[in-house]
Amino acid sequence: MAGVVAANGCQLPPAAGWLDVSTVLSDQTLADTGDGRRDGDSRLKTMPLELTFVRYAEDDAELRTDLWNLVDEQFLPGDLRHRLASNGLRVGLIRGLMPPELSERLTPTADATGTEPTDSPLATDRAVVRRVVQTLAGQSNEIVVTPRVDELVLLERDSRSAAETLSGQTYRAASAIFDVQVTPAADGGTEFEVLPLIRHGAVERNWIGDDGAFRLEAGQQRTVLDRLAVNLLLPADGTLIISCAGEPSSAVGDAFFRDPRGRHDGCRLLVIRMLARTTDPMFTTMAGG
């Protein structure tokens, strides 16, 4: 494992084995993963996805300035970058290794208190938390970014037309979530879709159509912020960086990357990368044949 980690992006030390995904995945993703282990699905190969959550102060020059000087934000279309920025989000890509001082800032810290809450990695008292999720190609992985709060006020700007509009909504029993889907590409990179959404309200049971049949699914309501979806091809040596932008407010970026419970000041940063080189199975078969 150590060799794999060192070969991909910033040099973070490997965990002492696979970590419990229940601390970072939503209840719905865990239910879907359990359903997918039936019959022949056990033969499917998983892809390890590393998520590193970093908490930092508003005046932290290394993570607010130095890090973003290394980040390529131009890989996204200009209109999408504008929509993300106007909603308090910042997304960028790093290729290759980071400077040692920044790599050290992304190294997970130990839980010295032994009293760490388990509802979300961003509700902990640790500055850096690392999680590894075993993903299946094209499958949904709901990553809980902030813990559930009784009330979440969210303002969303729509800048797709000349007349920019601002809409607001109050959500009860709400959590901010990224729905992440990964698909191996032919060149060893990974196609990513990162979709922000809000899970909210009481847990309900609904019949869902799936592959010509219906199944009973329990979960909260989903409000999908599809205007802010990010689709990209992450290179094999690439690292995806997501954080908030601008001053504290009730924007989407604040809901995802500032503590809604007020336990910690400052911002949060999410670092995403694959821990193994991936290749589309079709091209693997062709090469082997």
C-alpha atoms as a PDB file:
ATOM      1  CA  MET A   1       0.000   0.000   0.000  1.00  0.00           C
ATOM      2  CA  ALA A   2       2.798   2.438   0.891  1.00  0.00           C
ATOM      3  CA  GLY A   3       4.122   2.210  -2.662  1.00  0.00           C
ATOM      4  CA  VAL A   4       0.746   2.938  -4.148  1.00  0.00           C
ATOM      5  CA  VAL A   5       0.175   5.983  -1.968  1.00  0.00           C
ATOM      6  CA  ALA A   6       3.590   7.475  -2.650  1.00  0.00           C
ATOM      7  CA  ALA A   7       3.050   7.118  -6.392  1.00  0.00           C
ATOM      8  CA  ASN A   8      -0.158   9.111  -6.498  1.00  0.00           C
ATOM      9  CA  GLY A   9      -0.193  12.806  -5.586  1.00  0.00           C
ATOM     10  CA  CYS A  10       0.665  14.087  -2.099  1.00  0.00           C
ATOM     11  CA  GLN A  11       2.528  11.658   0.135  1.00  0.00           C
ATOM     12  CA  LEU A  12       0.101  10.774   2.903  1.00  0.00           C
ATOM     13  CA  PRO A  13       0.953   7.821   5.156  1.00  0.00           C
ATOM     14  CA  PRO A  14      -1.236   4.747   4.668  1.00  0.00           C
ATOM     15  CA  ALA A  15      -3.858   3.864   7.245  1.00  0.00           C
ATOM     16  CA  ALA A  16      -3.396   0.741   9.367  1.00  0.00           C
ATOM     17  CA  GLY A  17      -5.874  -1.136   7.184  1.00  0.00           C
ATOM     18  CA  TRP A  18      -9.158  -0.106   5.564  1.00  0.00           C
ATOM     19  CA  LEU A  19     -11.113   2.291   7.763  1.00  0.00           C
ATOM     20  CA  ASP A  20     -14.778   1.910   8.656  1.00  0.00           C
ATOM     21  CA  VAL A  21     -16.706   3.612   5.837  1.00  0.00           C
ATOM     22  CA  SER A  22     -19.770   4.057   8.071  1.00  0.00           C
ATOM     23  CA  THR A  23     -18.215   7.237   9.468  1.00  0.00           C
ATOM     24  CA  VAL A  24     -18.129   8.922   6.068  1.00  0.00           C
ATOM     25  CA  LEU A  25     -20.847   7.265   3.970  1.00  0.00           C
ATOM     26  CA  SER A  26     -24.504   8.147   4.317  1.00  0.00           C
ATOM     27  CA  ASP A  27     -27.032   5.566   5.505  1.00  0.00           C
ATOM     28  CA  GLN A  28     -28.403   5.286   1.965  1.00  0.00           C
ATOM     29  CA  THR A  29     -25.034   4.481   0.406  1.00  0.00           C
ATOM     30  CA  LEU A  30     -24.376   1.798   3.024  1.00  0.00           C
ATOM     31  CA  ALA A  31     -27.757   0.237   2.241  1.00  0.00           C
ATOM     32  CA  ASP A  32     -27.065   0.302  -1.500  1.00  0.00           C
ATOM     33  CA  THR A  33     -23.613  -1.233  -0.971  1.00  0.00           C
ATOM     34  CA  GLY A  34     -25.110  -4.074   1.039  1.00  0.00           C
ATOM     35  CA  ASP A  35     -27.657  -4.804  -1.686  1.00  0.00           C
ATOM     36  CA  GLY A  36     -24.872  -4.928  -4.286  1.00  0.00           C
ATOM     37  CA  ARG A  37     -23.125  -7.895  -2.649  1.00  0.00           C
ATOM     38  CA  ARG A  38     -25.689 -10.433  -3.776  1.00  0.00           C
ATOM     39  CA  ASP A  39     -25.023 -13.234  -6.251  1.00  0.00           C
ATOM     40  CA  GLY A  40     -22.398 -12.433  -8.899  1.00  0.00           C
ATOM     41  CA  ASP A  41     -21.776  -8.874  -7.667  1.00  0.00           C
ATOM     42  CA  SER A  42     -19.073 -10.221  -5.325  1.00  0.00           C
ATOM     43  CA  ARG A  43     -16.860 -10.653  -8.405  1.00  0.00           C
ATOM     44  CA  LEU A  44     -16.873  -6.931  -9.123  1.00  0.00           C
ATOM     45  CA  LYS A  45     -13.590  -5.165  -8.467  1.00  0.00           C
ATOM     46  CA  THR A  46     -13.605  -2.193  -6.135  1.00  0.00           C
ATOM     47  CA  MET A  47     -11.474   0.926  -6.494  1.00  0.00           C
ATOM     48  CA  PRO A  48     -10.037   2.542  -3.335  1.00  0.00           C
ATOM     49  CA  LEU A  49     -10.967   6.218  -3.100  1.00  0.00           C
ATOM     50  CA  GLU A  50      -9.136   8.334  -0.529  1.00  0.00           C
ATOM     51  CA  LEU A  51     -10.853  11.297   1.125  1.00  0.00           C
ATOM     52  CA  THR A  52      -8.868  13.659   3.348  1.00  0.00           C
ATOM     53  CA  PHE A  53     -10.766  16.291   5.339  1.00  0.00           C
ATOM     54  CA  VAL A  54      -8.719  19.256   6.598  1.00  0.00           C
ATOM     55  CA  ARG A  55      -9.811  22.001   8.996  1.00  0.00           C
ATOM     56  CA  TYR A  56      -7.904  25.298   8.890  1.00  0.00           C
ATOM     57  CA  ALA A  57      -8.186  28.900  10.109  1.00  0.00           C
ATOM     58  CA  GLU A  58      -9.427  31.767   7.960  1.00  0.00           C
ATOM     59  CA  ASP A  59      -5.971  33.409   8.101  1.00  0.00           C
ATOM     60  CA  ASP A  60      -4.020  30.222   7.291  1.00  0.00           C
ATOM     61  CA  ALA A  61      -1.756  31.393   4.448  1.00  0.00           C
ATOM     62  CA  GLU A  62      -0.515  27.899   3.544  1.00  0.00           C
ATOM     63  CA  LEU A  63      -3.948  26.415   2.858  1.00  0.00           C
ATOM     64  CA  ARG A  64      -5.775  29.550   1.731  1.00  0.00           C
ATOM     65  CA  THR A  65      -3.045  30.898  -0.574  1.00  0.00           C
ATOM     66  CA  ASP A  66       0.020  28.684  -1.070  1.00  0.00           C
ATOM     67  CA  LEU A  67      -1.987  25.544  -1.805  1.00  0.00           C
ATOM     68  CA  TRP A  68      -4.222  27.267  -4.354  1.00  0.00           C
ATOM     69  CA  ASN A  69      -1.169  28.694  -6.130  1.00  0.00           C
ATOM     70  CA  LEU A  70      -0.393  25.075  -7.076  1.00  0.00           C
ATOM     71  CA  VAL A  71      -3.943  24.242  -8.095  1.00  0.00           C
ATOM     72  CA  ASP A  72      -5.241  24.317 -11.667  1.00  0.00           C
ATOM     73  CA  GLU A  73      -8.749  25.797 -11.576  1.00  0.00           C
ATOM     74  CA  GLN A  74      -8.886  26.406 -15.333  1.00  0.00           C
ATOM     75  CA  PHE A  75      -9.635  22.781 -16.226  1.00  0.00           C
ATOM     76  CA  LEU A  76     -13.319  23.460 -15.558  1.00  0.00           C
ATOM     77  CA  PRO A  77     -15.469  25.389 -18.064  1.00  0.00           C
ATOM     78  CA  GLY A  78     -15.589  29.100 -17.343  1.00  0.00           C
ATOM     79  CA  ASP A  79     -19.359  29.213 -16.758  1.00  0.00           C
ATOM     80  CA  LEU A  80     -19.137  26.372 -14.215  1.00  0.00           C
ATOM     81  CA  ARG A  81     -16.273  28.082 -12.379  1.00  0.00           C
ATOM     82  CA  HIS A  82     -18.403  31.218 -12.176  1.00  0.00           C
ATOM     83  CA  ARG A  83     -21.401  29.285 -10.811  1.00  0.00           C
ATOM     84  CA  LEU A  84     -19.244  27.548  -8.220  1.00  0.00           C
ATOM     85  CA  ALA A  85     -17.595  30.803  -7.108  1.00  0.00           C
ATOM     86  CA  SER A  86     -20.905  32.656  -6.849  1.00  0.00           C
ATOM     87  CA  ASN A  87     -22.125  29.871  -4.544  1.00  0.00           C
ATOM     88  CA  GLY A  88     -19.046  29.939  -2.332  1.00  0.00           C
ATOM     89  CA  LEU A  89     -17.269  26.891  -3.787  1.00  0.00           C
ATOM     90  CA  ARG A  90     -13.760  26.471  -5.131  1.00  0.00           C
ATOM     91  CA  VAL A  91     -12.587  23.401  -7.078  1.00  0.00           C
ATOM     92  CA  GLY A  92      -9.153  22.649  -8.479  1.00  0.00           C
ATOM     93  CA  LEU A  93      -6.747  19.948  -9.621  1.00  0.00           C
ATOM     94  CA  ILE A  94      -3.142  19.189  -8.669  1.00  0.00           C
ATOM     95  CA  ARG A  95      -0.910  16.885 -10.710  1.00  0.00           C
ATOM     96  CA  GLY A  96       2.138  15.194  -9.213  1.00  0.00           C
ATOM     97  CA  LEU A  97       3.690  15.673  -5.784  1.00  0.00           C
ATOM     98  CA  MET A  98       3.071  18.551  -3.402  1.00  0.00           C
ATOM     99  CA  PRO A  99       5.823  20.456  -1.569  1.00  0.00           C
ATOM    100  CA  PRO A 100       6.745  18.686   1.709  1.00  0.00           C
ATOM    101  CA  GLU A 101       5.353  21.465   3.907  1.00  0.00           C
ATOM    102  CA  LEU A 102       1.913  21.232   2.288  1.00  0.00           C
ATOM    103  CA  SER A 103       2.012  17.443   2.240  1.00  0.00           C
ATOM    104  CA  GLU A 104       2.634  17.516   5.990  1.00  0.00           C
ATOM    105  CA  ARG A 105      -0.435  19.711   6.507  1.00  0.00           C
ATOM    106  CA  LEU A 106      -2.540  17.004   4.851  1.00  0.00           C
ATOM    107  CA  THR A 107      -1.199  14.236   7.086  1.00  0.00           C
ATOM    108  CA  PRO A 108      -3.885  12.798   9.406  1.00  0.00           C
ATOM    109  CA  THR A 109      -3.532  13.626  13.091  1.00  0.00           C
ATOM    110  CA  ALA A 110      -4.210  11.208  15.925  1.00  0.00           C
ATOM    111  CA  ASP A 111      -7.273  11.387  18.146  1.00  0.00           C
ATOM    112  CA  ALA A 112      -5.573  12.187  21.434  1.00  0.00           C
ATOM    113  CA  THR A 113      -8.788  12.568  23.438  1.00  0.00           C
ATOM    114  CA  GLY A 114     -10.423   9.243  22.598  1.00  0.00           C
ATOM    115  CA  THR A 115     -13.797  11.022  22.567  1.00  0.00           C
ATOM    116  CA  GLU A 116     -14.138  11.700  18.840  1.00  0.00           C
ATOM    117  CA  PRO A 117     -17.780  11.837  17.635  1.00  0.00           C
ATOM    118  CA  THR A 118     -18.616   9.304  14.952  1.00  0.00           C
ATOM    119  CA  ASP A 119     -21.386  11.047  13.013  1.00  0.00           C
ATOM    120  CA  SER A 120     -19.071  12.787  10.546  1.00  0.00           C
ATOM    121  CA  PRO A 121     -15.359  13.238   9.909  1.00  0.00           C
ATOM    122  CA  LEU A 122     -15.867  17.005   9.891  1.00  0.00           C
ATOM    123  CA  ALA A 123     -17.443  17.057  13.356  1.00  0.00           C
ATOM    124  CA  THR A 124     -14.289  15.739  14.997  1.00  0.00           C
ATOM    125  CA  ASP A 125     -11.735  17.647  17.016  1.00  0.00           C
ATOM    126  CA  ARG A 126      -8.971  16.470  14.727  1.00  0.00           C
ATOM    127  CA  ALA A 127      -7.567  18.912  12.191  1.00  0.00           C
ATOM    128  CA  VAL A 128      -7.039  16.229   9.529  1.00  0.00           C
ATOM    129  CA  VAL A 129      -9.081  13.068   8.991  1.00  0.00           C
ATOM    130  CA  ARG A 130      -8.444  10.462   6.299  1.00  0.00           C
ATOM    131  CA  ARG A 131     -11.008   7.955   5.052  1.00  0.00           C
ATOM    132  CA  VAL A 132     -10.788   5.278   2.369  1.00  0.00           C
ATOM    133  CA  VAL A 133     -13.922   4.153   0.525  1.00  0.00           C
ATOM    134  CA  GLN A 134     -14.066   1.048  -1.666  1.00  0.00           C
ATOM    135  CA  THR A 135     -16.058   2.141  -4.730  1.00  0.00           C
ATOM    136  CA  LEU A 136     -17.628   0.300  -7.658  1.00  0.00           C
ATOM    137  CA  ALA A 137     -17.480   1.755 -11.156  1.00  0.00           C
ATOM    138  CA  GLY A 138     -20.462   3.983 -11.897  1.00  0.00           C
ATOM    139  CA  GLN A 139     -22.067   3.438  -8.488  1.00  0.00           C
ATOM    140  CA  SER A 140     -23.265   6.200  -6.180  1.00  0.00           C
ATOM    141  CA  ASN A 141     -21.216   6.961  -3.047  1.00  0.00           C
ATOM    142  CA  GLU A 142     -22.853   9.534  -0.791  1.00  0.00           C
ATOM    143  CA  ILE A 143     -20.079  11.184   1.224  1.00  0.00           C
ATOM    144  CA  VAL A 144     -21.311  12.969   4.353  1.00  0.00           C
ATOM    145  CA  VAL A 145     -19.441  16.268   4.432  1.00  0.00           C
ATOM    146  CA  THR A 146     -21.149  17.945   7.392  1.00  0.00           C
ATOM    147  CA  PRO A 147     -23.117  16.384  10.248  1.00  0.00           C
ATOM    148  CA  ARG A 148     -26.873  16.583  10.506  1.00  0.00           C
ATOM    149  CA  VAL A 149     -28.164  19.858  11.918  1.00  0.00           C
ATOM    150  CA  ASP A 150     -31.655  20.736  13.124  1.00  0.00           C
ATOM    151  CA  GLU A 151     -31.937  23.659  10.705  1.00  0.00           C
ATOM    152  CA  LEU A 152     -29.893  24.619   7.648  1.00  0.00           C
ATOM    153  CA  VAL A 153     -30.473  27.905   5.802  1.00  0.00           C
ATOM    154  CA  LEU A 154     -29.130  27.712   2.253  1.00  0.00           C
ATOM    155  CA  LEU A 155     -28.904  30.472  -0.368  1.00  0.00           C
ATOM    156  CA  GLU A 156     -28.244  29.413  -3.967  1.00  0.00           C
ATOM    157  CA  ARG A 157     -27.346  31.718  -6.856  1.00  0.00           C
ATOM    158  CA  ASP A 158     -28.301  30.802 -10.411  1.00  0.00           C
ATOM    159  CA  SER A 159     -26.083  32.643 -12.887  1.00  0.00           C
ATOM    160  CA  ARG A 160     -26.947  30.652 -16.005  1.00  0.00           C
ATOM    161  CA  SER A 161     -28.808  33.610 -17.498  1.00  0.00           C
ATOM    162  CA  ALA A 162     -28.075  37.320 -17.775  1.00  0.00           C
ATOM    163  CA  ALA A 163     -30.451  37.986 -14.875  1.00  0.00           C
ATOM    164  CA  GLU A 164     -28.773  36.269 -11.916  1.00  0.00           C
ATOM    165  CA  THR A 165     -31.294  34.983  -9.379  1.00  0.00           C
ATOM    166  CA  LEU A 166     -30.951  34.220  -5.678  1.00  0.00           C
ATOM    167  CA  SER A 167     -33.174  31.680  -3.962  1.00  0.00           C
ATOM    168  CA  GLY A 168     -33.264  30.536  -0.357  1.00  0.00           C
ATOM    169  CA  GLN A 169     -34.489  27.462   1.453  1.00  0.00           C
ATOM    170  CA  THR A 170     -34.571  26.266   5.054  1.00  0.00           C
ATOM    171  CA  TYR A 171     -34.011  22.536   5.559  1.00  0.00           C
ATOM    172  CA  ARG A 172     -34.827  20.578   8.716  1.00  0.00           C
ATOM    173  CA  ALA A 173     -32.658  17.726  10.002  1.00  0.00           C
ATOM    174  CA  ALA A 174     -30.240  18.401   7.148  1.00  0.00           C
ATOM    175  CA  SER A 175     -26.829  17.067   6.104  1.00  0.00           C
ATOM    176  CA  ALA A 176     -24.558  18.289   3.303  1.00  0.00           C
ATOM    177  CA  ILE A 177     -23.439  15.426   1.051  1.00  0.00           C
ATOM    178  CA  PHE A 178     -21.345  14.874  -2.057  1.00  0.00           C
ATOM    179  CA  ASP A 179     -22.586  12.051  -4.275  1.00  0.00           C
ATOM    180  CA  VAL A 180     -19.384  10.792  -5.911  1.00  0.00           C
ATOM    181  CA  GLN A 181     -19.292   8.388  -8.855  1.00  0.00           C
ATOM    182  CA  VAL A 182     -16.052   7.080 -10.342  1.00  0.00           C
ATOM    183  CA  THR A 183     -15.450   5.202 -13.603  1.00  0.00           C
ATOM    184  CA  PRO A 184     -12.052   3.913 -14.801  1.00  0.00           C
ATOM    185  CA  ALA A 185     -10.748   5.479 -18.011  1.00  0.00           C
ATOM    186  CA  ALA A 186      -8.640   3.933 -20.768  1.00  0.00           C
ATOM    187  CA  ASP A 187      -5.500   5.931 -19.908  1.00  0.00           C
ATOM    188  CA  GLY A 188      -5.293   4.898 -16.253  1.00  0.00           C
ATOM    189  CA  GLY A 189      -7.132   7.985 -15.028  1.00  0.00           C
ATOM    190  CA  THR A 190     -10.605   8.108 -13.504  1.00  0.00           C
ATOM    191  CA  GLU A 191     -13.782   9.829 -14.650  1.00  0.00           C
ATOM    192  CA  PHE A 192     -15.385  11.624 -11.712  1.00  0.00           C
ATOM    193  CA  GLU A 193     -18.830  13.059 -11.103  1.00  0.00           C
ATOM    194  CA  VAL A 194     -19.157  15.069  -7.890  1.00  0.00           C
ATOM    195  CA  LEU A 195     -22.744  16.104  -7.196  1.00  0.00           C
ATOM    196  CA  PRO A 196     -23.603  18.253  -4.144  1.00  0.00           C
ATOM    197  CA  LEU A 197     -26.915  17.541  -2.457  1.00  0.00           C
ATOM    198  CA  ILE A 198     -28.789  18.012   0.801  1.00  0.00           C
ATOM    199  CA  ARG A 199     -30.414  15.129   2.689  1.00  0.00           C
ATOM    200  CA  HIS A 200     -33.165  16.489   4.894  1.00  0.00           C
ATOM    201  CA  GLY A 201     -36.433  15.807   6.682  1.00  0.00           C
ATOM    202  CA  ALA A 202     -37.758  12.678   8.308  1.00  0.00           C
ATOM    203  CA  VAL A 203     -36.739   9.226   7.119  1.00  0.00           C
ATOM    204  CA  GLU A 204     -39.382   7.934   4.699  1.00  0.00           C
ATOM    205  CA  ARG A 205     -40.015   4.646   2.898  1.00  0.00           C
ATOM    206  CA  ASN A 206     -40.650   4.696  -0.850  1.00  0.00           C
ATOM    207  CA  TRP A 207     -40.947   2.154  -3.652  1.00  0.00           C
ATOM    208  CA  ILE A 208     -38.149   2.698  -6.175  1.00  0.00           C
ATOM    209  CA  GLY A 209     -38.048   1.240  -9.697  1.00  0.00           C
ATOM    210  CA  ASP A 210     -34.752  -0.529 -10.369  1.00  0.00           C
ATOM    211  CA  ASP A 211     -33.829  -2.908 -13.245  1.00  0.00           C
ATOM    212  CA  GLY A 212     -37.432  -3.771 -14.082  1.00  0.00           C
ATOM    213  CA  ALA A 213     -38.476  -4.345 -10.472  1.00  0.00           C
ATOM    214  CA  PHE A 214     -39.501  -2.307  -7.449  1.00  0.00           C
ATOM    215  CA  ARG A 215     -37.695  -2.219  -4.134  1.00  0.00           C
ATOM    216  CA  LEU A 216     -38.546  -0.533  -0.844  1.00  0.00           C
ATOM    217  CA  GLU A 217     -36.036   2.178   0.018  1.00  0.00           C
ATOM    218  CA  ALA A 218     -35.812   4.092   3.287  1.00  0.00           C
ATOM    219  CA  GLY A 219     -34.112   7.469   3.474  1.00  0.00           C
ATOM    220  CA  GLN A 220     -34.434  11.217   3.791  1.00  0.00           C
ATOM    221  CA  GLN A 221     -35.505  13.513   0.991  1.00  0.00           C
ATOM    222  CA  ARG A 222     -32.788  14.565  -1.476  1.00  0.00           C
ATOM    223  CA  THR A 223     -32.423  18.072  -2.819  1.00  0.00           C
ATOM    224  CA  VAL A 224     -29.854  17.866  -5.610  1.00  0.00           C
ATOM    225  CA  LEU A 225     -27.824  20.963  -6.509  1.00  0.00           C
ATOM    226  CA  ASP A 226     -27.270  19.776 -10.069  1.00  0.00           C
ATOM    227  CA  ARG A 227     -26.247  23.222 -11.343  1.00  0.00           C
ATOM    228  CA  LEU A 228     -23.075  22.788  -9.288  1.00  0.00           C
ATOM    229  CA  ALA A 229     -22.180  19.259 -10.436  1.00  0.00           C
ATOM    230  CA  VAL A 230     -18.516  18.775 -11.376  1.00  0.00           C
ATOM    231  CA  ASN A 231     -17.506  16.261 -14.052  1.00  0.00           C
ATOM    232  CA  LEU A 232     -13.839  15.680 -14.808  1.00  0.00           C
ATOM    233  CA  LEU A 233     -11.187  13.193 -15.844  1.00  0.00           C
ATOM    234  CA  LEU A 234      -8.792  12.853 -12.910  1.00  0.00           C
ATOM    235  CA  PRO A 235      -5.301  11.841 -14.123  1.00  0.00           C
ATOM    236  CA  ALA A 236      -3.578   8.886 -12.476  1.00  0.00           C
ATOM    237  CA  ASP A 237      -1.285  11.304 -10.607  1.00  0.00           C
ATOM    238  CA  GLY A 238      -4.065  13.822  -9.953  1.00  0.00           C
ATOM    239  CA  THR A 239      -5.577  15.135  -6.725  1.00  0.00           C
ATOM    240  CA  LEU A 240      -8.924  16.952  -6.579  1.00  0.00           C
ATOM    241  CA  ILE A 241      -9.241  19.855  -4.126  1.00  0.00           C
ATOM    242  CA  ILE A 242     -12.614  21.285  -3.018  1.00  0.00           C
ATOM    243  CA  SER A 243     -13.230  24.027  -0.449  1.00  0.00           C
ATOM    244  CA  CYS A 244     -15.256  27.149   0.242  1.00  0.00           C
ATOM    245  CA  ALA A 245     -14.619  30.619  -1.148  1.00  0.00           C
ATOM    246  CA  GLY A 246     -15.438  34.117   0.023  1.00  0.00           C
ATOM    247  CA  GLU A 247     -16.572  35.415   3.381  1.00  0.00           C
ATOM    248  CA  PRO A 248     -18.813  33.387   5.725  1.00  0.00           C
ATOM    249  CA  SER A 249     -22.474  33.520   4.692  1.00  0.00           C
ATOM    250  CA  SER A 250     -25.298  31.074   3.992  1.00  0.00           C
ATOM    251  CA  ALA A 251     -23.958  30.022   0.586  1.00  0.00           C
ATOM    252  CA  VAL A 252     -23.610  26.434  -0.569  1.00  0.00           C
ATOM    253  CA  GLY A 253     -19.883  26.496   0.184  1.00  0.00           C
ATOM    254  CA  ASP A 254     -20.586  27.453   3.792  1.00  0.00           C
ATOM    255  CA  ALA A 255     -23.074  24.614   4.222  1.00  0.00           C
ATOM    256  CA  PHE A 256     -20.442  22.133   3.043  1.00  0.00           C
ATOM    257  CA  PHE A 257     -17.182  23.547   4.378  1.00  0.00           C
ATOM    258  CA  ARG A 258     -17.901  25.649   7.457  1.00  0.00           C
ATOM    259  CA  ASP A 259     -19.038  24.050  10.698  1.00  0.00           C
ATOM    260  CA  PRO A 260     -22.853  24.400  10.863  1.00  0.00           C
ATOM    261  CA  ARG A 261     -22.795  23.611  14.585  1.00  0.00           C
ATOM    262  CA  GLY A 262     -20.372  26.409  15.373  1.00  0.00           C
ATOM    263  CA  ARG A 263     -17.941  24.070  17.133  1.00  0.00           C
ATOM    264  CA  HIS A 264     -14.967  25.184  15.042  1.00  0.00           C
ATOM    265  CA  ASP A 265     -14.050  28.457  13.383  1.00  0.00           C
ATOM    266  CA  GLY A 266     -12.476  28.635   9.964  1.00  0.00           C
ATOM    267  CA  CYS A 267     -12.944  26.492   6.872  1.00  0.00           C
ATOM    268  CA  ARG A 268     -12.610  22.939   5.689  1.00  0.00           C
ATOM    269  CA  LEU A 269     -10.897  21.397   2.715  1.00  0.00           C
ATOM    270  CA  LEU A 270     -11.644  18.107   0.957  1.00  0.00           C
ATOM    271  CA  VAL A 271      -8.817  16.313  -0.867  1.00  0.00           C
ATOM    272  CA  ILE A 272      -9.823  13.417  -3.156  1.00  0.00           C
ATOM    273  CA  ARG A 273      -7.656  10.963  -5.065  1.00  0.00           C
ATOM    274  CA  MET A 274      -7.559   7.336  -6.157  1.00  0.00           C
ATOM    275  CA  LEU A 275      -5.175   5.032  -4.290  1.00  0.00           C
ATOM    276  CA  ALA A 276      -4.634   2.700  -7.244  1.00  0.00           C
ATOM    277  CA  ARG A 277      -4.260   3.183 -10.976  1.00  0.00           C
ATOM    278  CA  THR A 278      -7.518   2.326 -12.726  1.00  0.00           C
ATOM    279  CA  THR A 279      -8.133   1.130 -16.282  1.00  0.00           C
ATOM    280  CA  ASP A 280     -11.384   0.507 -18.115  1.00  0.00           C
ATOM    281  CA  PRO A 281     -11.890  -3.318 -18.097  1.00  0.00           C
ATOM    282  CA  MET A 282     -12.617  -3.264 -21.849  1.00  0.00           C
ATOM    283  CA  PHE A 283      -9.098  -2.026 -22.599  1.00  0.00           C
ATOM    284  CA  THR A 284      -7.571  -4.436 -20.058  1.00  0.00           C
ATOM    285  CA  THR A 285      -9.245  -7.352 -21.855  1.00  0.00           C
ATOM    286  CA  MET A 286      -8.052  -6.129 -25.256  1.00  0.00           C
ATOM    287  CA  ALA A 287      -4.478  -5.804 -24.022  1.00  0.00           C
ATOM    288  CA  GLY A 288      -4.535  -9.257 -22.426  1.00  0.00           C
ATOM    289  CA  GLY A 289      -6.041 -10.912 -25.512  1.00  0.00           C
END
